[in-house]
Structures are given as C-alpha cells and as structure tokens.
Amino acid sequence: MIKTPFVAVDGIIKIFDKDENFKGIVLIERKNPPYGLALPGGFVDIGETTEEALIREMKEETDLDVIITKLHGVYSKPDRDPRFHTVSIVYICKAYGEPKGKDDAKKASIYKLEEIPFEKLVFDHGKILKDFLER
C-alpha cells in the first residue's frame, strides 16, 4: 500500500466591509489539539478539488462565503503538523461580514494585521502569515 501525506487547505481570509474597506484577516481558535489560534482550514475530501475544499472548509469553520483571489503557497515540511505529515495548499481569499466559529473552530475573529498574535499560532501558521505580510 502506498503511503502519502495528508492534503489540506488553509485560507487567509481578508475581510472587507460593504464599502470595500479592509478590516483584517480571520483566525480561529481551535476546538481540538493542537490548541491555539490558526488559519481556518481542513482536509481535502476524495473527489473534491482543493478550491472546492477551501470554500467548503471556510464556510464550515467561519460561516463565511469566500472568493478565492490567489494561491499563496504550498507548505510541506514533514513536521509542520505535530499529528502527522500534512501538505497544505494555502489560498488568499476575500469575504464580507462577521465570522462565526463553527465545526472545528471554537471561535472565529478578525485580526488587524498589526495585531496578529504570532505567539499563539499553531502549526506553521506563523510562517505562513509572515510570508503573506512580506509579499
């Protein structure tokens, strides 16, 4: 049997108000280990594209309907997830409204870029967000 890493998607959701003013990005507080703050995301289901998985996971965890604007990057270090080897495809997306924590997210909140609590982020989401801020 062939063994491969798990495939996941994560979203950097940029929130805008109705007048197109940027409010910040969404981070979730995880309900399950590892506990802490994270980008919303999850695993790709069989028969689903990564884009479909992202849109589904963003809705499930934040109750937001997102528009994918671009691919941010692929993160694949074998130790990036303490549970098992996971490859994450990270997209930047846009949404409107207030996020609500659902499914695996205990809470979902908007953070201004200068207020991101990097010390509370799990996985390699601090690196992902630092890469995002540098671009």
N, C-alpha and C. Protein backbone atom coordinates (compact mmCIF):
# COMPACT_ATOMS: atom_id res chain seq x y z
N MET A 1 0.84 -1.18 0.00
CA MET A 1 0.00 0.00 0.00
C MET A 1 0.89 1.25 0.00
N ILE A 2 0.53 2.20 -0.82
CA ILE A 2 1.27 3.46 -0.92
C ILE A 2 0.83 4.37 0.22
N LYS A 3 1.82 4.98 0.88
CA LYS A 3 1.53 5.95 1.93
C LYS A 3 1.97 7.32 1.45
N THR A 4 1.09 8.30 1.58
CA THR A 4 1.40 9.67 1.19
C THR A 4 0.96 10.62 2.30
N PRO A 5 1.45 11.85 2.28
CA PRO A 5 0.99 12.83 3.27
C PRO A 5 -0.49 13.15 3.07
N PHE A 6 -1.10 13.66 4.12
CA PHE A 6 -2.47 14.16 4.03
C PHE A 6 -2.44 15.49 3.28
N VAL A 7 -3.50 15.78 2.53
CA VAL A 7 -3.60 17.03 1.78
C VAL A 7 -4.63 17.92 2.47
N ALA A 8 -4.19 19.13 2.80
CA ALA A 8 -5.07 20.08 3.49
C ALA A 8 -5.09 21.40 2.73
N VAL A 9 -6.05 22.23 3.09
CA VAL A 9 -6.13 23.60 2.57
C VAL A 9 -6.29 24.54 3.75
N ASP A 10 -5.67 25.70 3.65
CA ASP A 10 -5.83 26.76 4.64
C ASP A 10 -6.16 28.04 3.90
N GLY A 11 -6.92 28.91 4.55
CA GLY A 11 -7.30 30.16 3.92
C GLY A 11 -6.89 31.38 4.71
N ILE A 12 -6.26 32.31 4.02
CA ILE A 12 -6.03 33.64 4.59
C ILE A 12 -7.22 34.46 4.10
N ILE A 13 -8.20 34.60 4.98
CA ILE A 13 -9.43 35.31 4.61
C ILE A 13 -9.27 36.79 4.93
N LYS A 14 -9.28 37.60 3.88
CA LYS A 14 -9.24 39.06 4.05
C LYS A 14 -10.69 39.55 4.11
N ILE A 15 -11.03 40.20 5.22
CA ILE A 15 -12.39 40.68 5.43
C ILE A 15 -12.50 42.15 5.02
N PHE A 16 -13.57 42.43 4.27
CA PHE A 16 -13.86 43.79 3.82
C PHE A 16 -15.27 44.17 4.25
N ASP A 17 -15.49 45.49 4.47
CA ASP A 17 -16.85 45.94 4.75
C ASP A 17 -17.55 46.22 3.42
N LYS A 18 -18.79 46.64 3.49
CA LYS A 18 -19.58 46.85 2.27
C LYS A 18 -19.02 47.95 1.37
N ASP A 19 -18.19 48.83 1.96
CA ASP A 19 -17.56 49.91 1.17
C ASP A 19 -16.16 49.53 0.68
N GLU A 20 -15.83 48.23 0.78
CA GLU A 20 -14.54 47.69 0.33
C GLU A 20 -13.35 48.14 1.18
N ASN A 21 -13.61 48.53 2.42
CA ASN A 21 -12.52 48.86 3.34
C ASN A 21 -12.02 47.57 3.98
N PHE A 22 -10.71 47.37 3.97
CA PHE A 22 -10.10 46.18 4.55
C PHE A 22 -10.16 46.27 6.07
N LYS A 23 -10.68 45.19 6.71
CA LYS A 23 -10.83 45.18 8.17
C LYS A 23 -9.78 44.31 8.87
N GLY A 24 -9.26 43.30 8.18
CA GLY A 24 -8.29 42.39 8.79
C GLY A 24 -8.45 40.99 8.23
N ILE A 25 -7.80 40.03 8.90
CA ILE A 25 -7.90 38.63 8.47
C ILE A 25 -8.54 37.81 9.58
N VAL A 26 -9.04 36.63 9.20
CA VAL A 26 -9.73 35.76 10.15
C VAL A 26 -8.78 34.70 10.70
N LEU A 27 -8.80 34.56 12.01
CA LEU A 27 -8.12 33.45 12.68
C LEU A 27 -9.16 32.74 13.53
N ILE A 28 -8.98 31.43 13.68
CA ILE A 28 -9.90 30.66 14.51
C ILE A 28 -9.19 30.17 15.76
N GLU A 29 -9.97 29.98 16.80
CA GLU A 29 -9.48 29.30 18.00
C GLU A 29 -9.88 27.84 17.85
N ARG A 30 -8.90 26.93 17.87
CA ARG A 30 -9.16 25.52 17.62
C ARG A 30 -9.85 24.84 18.79
N LYS A 31 -10.84 23.97 18.46
CA LYS A 31 -11.53 23.17 19.47
C LYS A 31 -10.74 21.92 19.83
N ASN A 32 -9.90 21.46 18.91
CA ASN A 32 -9.18 20.20 19.07
C ASN A 32 -7.68 20.43 19.09
N PRO A 33 -6.93 19.46 19.66
CA PRO A 33 -5.46 19.60 19.67
C PRO A 33 -4.91 19.62 18.25
N PRO A 34 -3.85 20.35 18.04
CA PRO A 34 -3.20 21.26 18.98
C PRO A 34 -4.04 22.52 19.18
N TYR A 35 -4.18 22.92 20.45
CA TYR A 35 -4.98 24.09 20.79
C TYR A 35 -4.20 25.37 20.50
N GLY A 36 -4.93 26.40 20.16
CA GLY A 36 -4.33 27.69 19.87
C GLY A 36 -5.07 28.35 18.72
N LEU A 37 -4.47 29.38 18.17
CA LEU A 37 -5.06 30.08 17.03
C LEU A 37 -4.49 29.52 15.74
N ALA A 38 -5.30 29.57 14.70
CA ALA A 38 -4.89 29.03 13.40
C ALA A 38 -5.65 29.72 12.28
N LEU A 39 -5.12 29.57 11.09
CA LEU A 39 -5.89 29.92 9.91
C LEU A 39 -7.01 28.89 9.79
N PRO A 40 -8.17 29.29 9.30
CA PRO A 40 -9.20 28.28 9.07
C PRO A 40 -8.75 27.34 7.95
N GLY A 41 -9.12 26.08 8.07
CA GLY A 41 -8.72 25.12 7.05
C GLY A 41 -9.12 23.71 7.41
N GLY A 42 -8.73 22.79 6.57
CA GLY A 42 -9.06 21.39 6.81
C GLY A 42 -8.59 20.52 5.68
N PHE A 43 -9.03 19.29 5.70
CA PHE A 43 -8.55 18.30 4.74
C PHE A 43 -9.41 18.23 3.49
N VAL A 44 -8.76 17.91 2.39
CA VAL A 44 -9.43 17.74 1.10
C VAL A 44 -10.08 16.37 1.10
N ASP A 45 -11.35 16.33 0.74
CA ASP A 45 -12.08 15.06 0.63
C ASP A 45 -11.83 14.42 -0.73
N ILE A 46 -11.93 13.11 -0.79
CA ILE A 46 -11.83 12.38 -2.07
C ILE A 46 -12.90 12.91 -3.02
N GLY A 47 -12.53 13.18 -4.26
CA GLY A 47 -13.46 13.65 -5.27
C GLY A 47 -13.65 15.16 -5.29
N GLU A 48 -12.87 15.88 -4.51
CA GLU A 48 -13.02 17.33 -4.39
C GLU A 48 -11.72 18.01 -4.82
N THR A 49 -11.83 19.14 -5.50
CA THR A 49 -10.63 19.92 -5.83
C THR A 49 -10.19 20.68 -4.58
N THR A 50 -8.97 21.16 -4.59
CA THR A 50 -8.51 21.94 -3.43
C THR A 50 -9.31 23.23 -3.29
N GLU A 51 -9.70 23.81 -4.41
CA GLU A 51 -10.51 25.04 -4.35
C GLU A 51 -11.88 24.75 -3.74
N GLU A 52 -12.50 23.64 -4.14
CA GLU A 52 -13.79 23.26 -3.54
C GLU A 52 -13.64 23.00 -2.05
N ALA A 53 -12.56 22.32 -1.67
CA ALA A 53 -12.31 22.03 -0.26
C ALA A 53 -12.14 23.33 0.53
N LEU A 54 -11.41 24.29 -0.04
CA LEU A 54 -11.20 25.55 0.66
C LEU A 54 -12.53 26.26 0.90
N ILE A 55 -13.33 26.39 -0.13
CA ILE A 55 -14.63 27.08 0.00
C ILE A 55 -15.50 26.37 1.04
N ARG A 56 -15.52 25.04 1.01
CA ARG A 56 -16.30 24.25 1.98
C ARG A 56 -15.78 24.46 3.40
N GLU A 57 -14.47 24.33 3.59
CA GLU A 57 -13.88 24.45 4.92
C GLU A 57 -14.06 25.86 5.50
N MET A 58 -13.93 26.89 4.68
CA MET A 58 -14.11 28.25 5.16
C MET A 58 -15.55 28.45 5.65
N LYS A 59 -16.51 27.91 4.91
CA LYS A 59 -17.92 28.01 5.31
C LYS A 59 -18.16 27.22 6.60
N GLU A 60 -17.61 25.99 6.67
CA GLU A 60 -17.81 25.14 7.85
C GLU A 60 -17.23 25.75 9.11
N GLU A 61 -16.07 26.38 9.03
CA GLU A 61 -15.39 26.88 10.22
C GLU A 61 -15.69 28.33 10.57
N THR A 62 -16.04 29.15 9.58
CA THR A 62 -16.22 30.58 9.85
C THR A 62 -17.60 31.11 9.45
N ASP A 63 -18.39 30.30 8.76
CA ASP A 63 -19.70 30.68 8.24
C ASP A 63 -19.61 31.78 7.18
N LEU A 64 -18.42 31.94 6.58
CA LEU A 64 -18.24 32.96 5.54
C LEU A 64 -18.23 32.32 4.16
N ASP A 65 -18.80 33.02 3.21
CA ASP A 65 -18.71 32.64 1.80
C ASP A 65 -17.51 33.39 1.24
N VAL A 66 -16.50 32.65 0.82
CA VAL A 66 -15.26 33.29 0.37
C VAL A 66 -15.14 33.26 -1.15
N ILE A 67 -14.37 34.21 -1.63
CA ILE A 67 -13.97 34.28 -3.04
C ILE A 67 -12.46 34.09 -3.05
N ILE A 68 -11.99 33.08 -3.74
CA ILE A 68 -10.54 32.84 -3.82
C ILE A 68 -9.94 33.89 -4.75
N THR A 69 -8.91 34.58 -4.28
CA THR A 69 -8.28 35.59 -5.12
C THR A 69 -6.95 35.12 -5.69
N LYS A 70 -6.22 34.27 -4.93
CA LYS A 70 -4.97 33.73 -5.48
C LYS A 70 -4.42 32.62 -4.60
N LEU A 71 -3.54 31.86 -5.19
CA LEU A 71 -2.80 30.84 -4.46
C LEU A 71 -1.66 31.53 -3.73
N HIS A 72 -1.56 31.31 -2.42
CA HIS A 72 -0.48 31.91 -1.63
C HIS A 72 0.77 31.03 -1.68
N GLY A 73 0.59 29.72 -1.49
CA GLY A 73 1.75 28.84 -1.49
C GLY A 73 1.40 27.44 -1.00
N VAL A 74 2.40 26.57 -1.07
CA VAL A 74 2.25 25.19 -0.61
C VAL A 74 3.29 24.98 0.49
N TYR A 75 2.83 24.47 1.63
CA TYR A 75 3.69 24.25 2.79
C TYR A 75 3.72 22.74 3.08
N SER A 76 4.93 22.18 3.08
CA SER A 76 5.02 20.72 3.11
C SER A 76 6.08 20.13 4.03
N LYS A 77 6.67 20.93 4.91
CA LYS A 77 7.67 20.36 5.82
C LYS A 77 7.03 19.20 6.58
N PRO A 78 7.70 18.06 6.63
CA PRO A 78 7.09 16.89 7.28
C PRO A 78 6.68 17.10 8.73
N ASP A 79 7.31 18.03 9.44
CA ASP A 79 6.97 18.25 10.84
C ASP A 79 6.09 19.49 11.07
N ARG A 80 5.48 20.02 10.02
CA ARG A 80 4.67 21.24 10.16
C ARG A 80 3.40 21.01 10.99
N ASP A 81 2.93 19.77 11.01
CA ASP A 81 1.76 19.40 11.80
C ASP A 81 2.21 18.32 12.79
N PRO A 82 2.07 18.54 14.09
CA PRO A 82 2.56 17.56 15.07
C PRO A 82 1.82 16.24 15.04
N ARG A 83 0.68 16.17 14.38
CA ARG A 83 -0.11 14.94 14.36
C ARG A 83 0.39 13.95 13.31
N PHE A 84 0.73 14.46 12.13
CA PHE A 84 1.16 13.62 11.01
C PHE A 84 1.61 14.51 9.87
N HIS A 85 2.24 13.90 8.87
CA HIS A 85 2.75 14.66 7.71
C HIS A 85 1.56 15.17 6.90
N THR A 86 1.49 16.50 6.81
CA THR A 86 0.40 17.16 6.09
C THR A 86 0.98 18.19 5.13
N VAL A 87 0.50 18.17 3.90
CA VAL A 87 0.84 19.18 2.91
C VAL A 87 -0.35 20.13 2.84
N SER A 88 -0.10 21.43 3.03
CA SER A 88 -1.19 22.39 2.99
C SER A 88 -1.03 23.33 1.81
N ILE A 89 -2.12 23.47 1.08
CA ILE A 89 -2.20 24.42 -0.03
C ILE A 89 -2.94 25.62 0.53
N VAL A 90 -2.28 26.77 0.52
CA VAL A 90 -2.82 27.96 1.17
C VAL A 90 -3.29 28.96 0.11
N TYR A 91 -4.52 29.39 0.26
CA TYR A 91 -5.12 30.36 -0.66
C TYR A 91 -5.40 31.67 0.08
N ILE A 92 -5.34 32.75 -0.67
CA ILE A 92 -5.80 34.05 -0.16
C ILE A 92 -7.20 34.23 -0.71
N CYS A 93 -8.10 34.64 0.17
CA CYS A 93 -9.48 34.83 -0.26
C CYS A 93 -10.06 36.09 0.35
N LYS A 94 -11.21 36.44 -0.15
CA LYS A 94 -11.89 37.67 0.24
C LYS A 94 -13.28 37.30 0.73
N ALA A 95 -13.75 38.01 1.77
CA ALA A 95 -15.11 37.77 2.26
C ALA A 95 -15.64 39.05 2.89
N TYR A 96 -16.95 39.03 3.12
CA TYR A 96 -17.65 40.14 3.75
C TYR A 96 -18.43 39.60 4.93
N GLY A 97 -18.60 40.43 5.96
CA GLY A 97 -19.40 40.01 7.10
C GLY A 97 -18.56 39.69 8.31
N GLU A 98 -19.21 39.11 9.30
CA GLU A 98 -18.56 38.75 10.57
C GLU A 98 -18.41 37.23 10.64
N PRO A 99 -17.22 36.74 10.91
CA PRO A 99 -17.05 35.30 11.04
C PRO A 99 -17.67 34.77 12.33
N LYS A 100 -18.14 33.52 12.26
CA LYS A 100 -18.68 32.84 13.43
C LYS A 100 -17.98 31.49 13.53
N GLY A 101 -17.46 31.16 14.69
CA GLY A 101 -16.80 29.88 14.89
C GLY A 101 -17.79 28.73 14.82
N LYS A 102 -17.51 27.77 13.94
CA LYS A 102 -18.37 26.60 13.77
C LYS A 102 -17.49 25.38 13.57
N ASP A 103 -18.08 24.20 13.62
CA ASP A 103 -17.40 22.94 13.35
C ASP A 103 -16.17 22.78 14.25
N ASP A 104 -14.96 22.73 13.70
CA ASP A 104 -13.74 22.57 14.49
C ASP A 104 -13.23 23.87 15.10
N ALA A 105 -13.92 24.97 14.82
CA ALA A 105 -13.50 26.28 15.33
C ALA A 105 -14.36 26.66 16.53
N LYS A 106 -13.70 26.81 17.67
CA LYS A 106 -14.39 27.24 18.89
C LYS A 106 -14.87 28.68 18.73
N LYS A 107 -14.04 29.48 18.05
CA LYS A 107 -14.31 30.90 17.86
C LYS A 107 -13.60 31.36 16.59
N ALA A 108 -14.18 32.33 15.90
CA ALA A 108 -13.54 32.93 14.73
C ALA A 108 -13.57 34.44 14.91
N SER A 109 -12.42 35.08 14.72
CA SER A 109 -12.32 36.52 14.95
C SER A 109 -11.51 37.19 13.85
N ILE A 110 -11.74 38.49 13.71
CA ILE A 110 -10.99 39.31 12.76
C ILE A 110 -9.83 39.96 13.50
N TYR A 111 -8.63 39.86 12.91
CA TYR A 111 -7.43 40.47 13.49
C TYR A 111 -6.85 41.46 12.50
N LYS A 112 -6.56 42.68 12.97
CA LYS A 112 -5.82 43.63 12.15
C LYS A 112 -4.42 43.06 11.95
N LEU A 113 -3.81 43.34 10.82
CA LEU A 113 -2.50 42.76 10.50
C LEU A 113 -1.46 43.07 11.57
N GLU A 114 -1.50 44.26 12.13
CA GLU A 114 -0.51 44.63 13.14
C GLU A 114 -0.82 44.03 14.52
N GLU A 115 -1.95 43.35 14.66
CA GLU A 115 -2.35 42.76 15.94
C GLU A 115 -2.37 41.24 15.93
N ILE A 116 -1.80 40.62 14.91
CA ILE A 116 -1.79 39.15 14.84
C ILE A 116 -0.94 38.61 16.00
N PRO A 117 -1.52 37.76 16.86
CA PRO A 117 -0.77 37.21 18.00
C PRO A 117 0.07 35.99 17.57
N PHE A 118 1.21 36.25 16.97
CA PHE A 118 2.04 35.19 16.41
C PHE A 118 2.40 34.11 17.43
N GLU A 119 2.56 34.51 18.70
CA GLU A 119 2.96 33.56 19.73
C GLU A 119 1.87 32.53 20.04
N LYS A 120 0.64 32.79 19.63
CA LYS A 120 -0.48 31.87 19.90
C LYS A 120 -0.81 30.97 18.71
N LEU A 121 -0.14 31.18 17.57
CA LEU A 121 -0.45 30.41 16.37
C LEU A 121 0.13 29.00 16.44
N VAL A 122 -0.63 28.03 15.95
CA VAL A 122 -0.19 26.64 15.93
C VAL A 122 0.27 26.26 14.51
N PHE A 123 0.77 25.03 14.41
CA PHE A 123 1.32 24.51 13.16
C PHE A 123 2.43 25.47 12.69
N ASP A 124 2.49 25.71 11.40
CA ASP A 124 3.45 26.68 10.85
C ASP A 124 2.72 27.94 10.37
N HIS A 125 1.57 28.22 10.99
CA HIS A 125 0.75 29.33 10.52
C HIS A 125 1.42 30.68 10.76
N GLY A 126 2.32 30.76 11.73
CA GLY A 126 3.10 31.99 11.90
C GLY A 126 3.98 32.24 10.69
N LYS A 127 4.64 31.21 10.19
CA LYS A 127 5.48 31.34 8.99
C LYS A 127 4.62 31.71 7.78
N ILE A 128 3.48 31.04 7.64
CA ILE A 128 2.59 31.33 6.51
C ILE A 128 2.18 32.80 6.53
N LEU A 129 1.80 33.30 7.70
CA LEU A 129 1.37 34.70 7.78
C LEU A 129 2.53 35.67 7.61
N LYS A 130 3.70 35.33 8.10
CA LYS A 130 4.87 36.20 7.88
C LYS A 130 5.20 36.26 6.39
N ASP A 131 5.11 35.12 5.68
CA ASP A 131 5.31 35.12 4.23
C ASP A 131 4.27 36.00 3.55
N PHE A 132 3.03 35.92 4.00
CA PHE A 132 1.94 36.73 3.45
C PHE A 132 2.22 38.22 3.66
N LEU A 133 2.65 38.59 4.86
CA LEU A 133 2.91 40.00 5.17
C LEU A 133 4.11 40.55 4.40
N GLU A 134 5.08 39.70 4.09
CA GLU A 134 6.26 40.14 3.34
C GLU A 134 5.97 40.39 1.87
N ARG A 135 4.88 39.83 1.36
CA ARG A 135 4.57 39.99 -0.07
C ARG A 135 3.81 41.24 -0.28
